[in-house]
């Protein structure tokens, strides 16, 4: 399965790299260290499936320390902030208005799922 999405993931990493280059190549979480790793903000498989989970909108360029902290759930507030940033990027991909995004304002994953579902229904490609 991994090989199936390899080209897509390579392209999406490049898009994230361009976004990070605009801010001096710094980590999108701490803004201090150089961004050296590519992190999935919405998980994979059971949360948001490929190809969307690896889209530039739902990934971030992080330093090693921030990536480990997010993966270890040591900085949930930082992860929530990064997910809200991802929501803004996803919203920019919408070709037109959608039904109001429902969900709890403290649950960015619910909002992400709704937007991705809308994009898939509209046949928008990541």
Foldseek 3Di string as FASTA:
>chain_A
DCVVCVVVLVVQVVVQQVVCVVLPQAAPQPRPHHFDDKAFLQDEDPQDYPPVSSHNLRIHGHDPVVRVCVVVVVCVVSSQVSLVSSLVVLVVQDPDDDDDQDDDPSDSSSSVVVSVVVCVVVVPDD
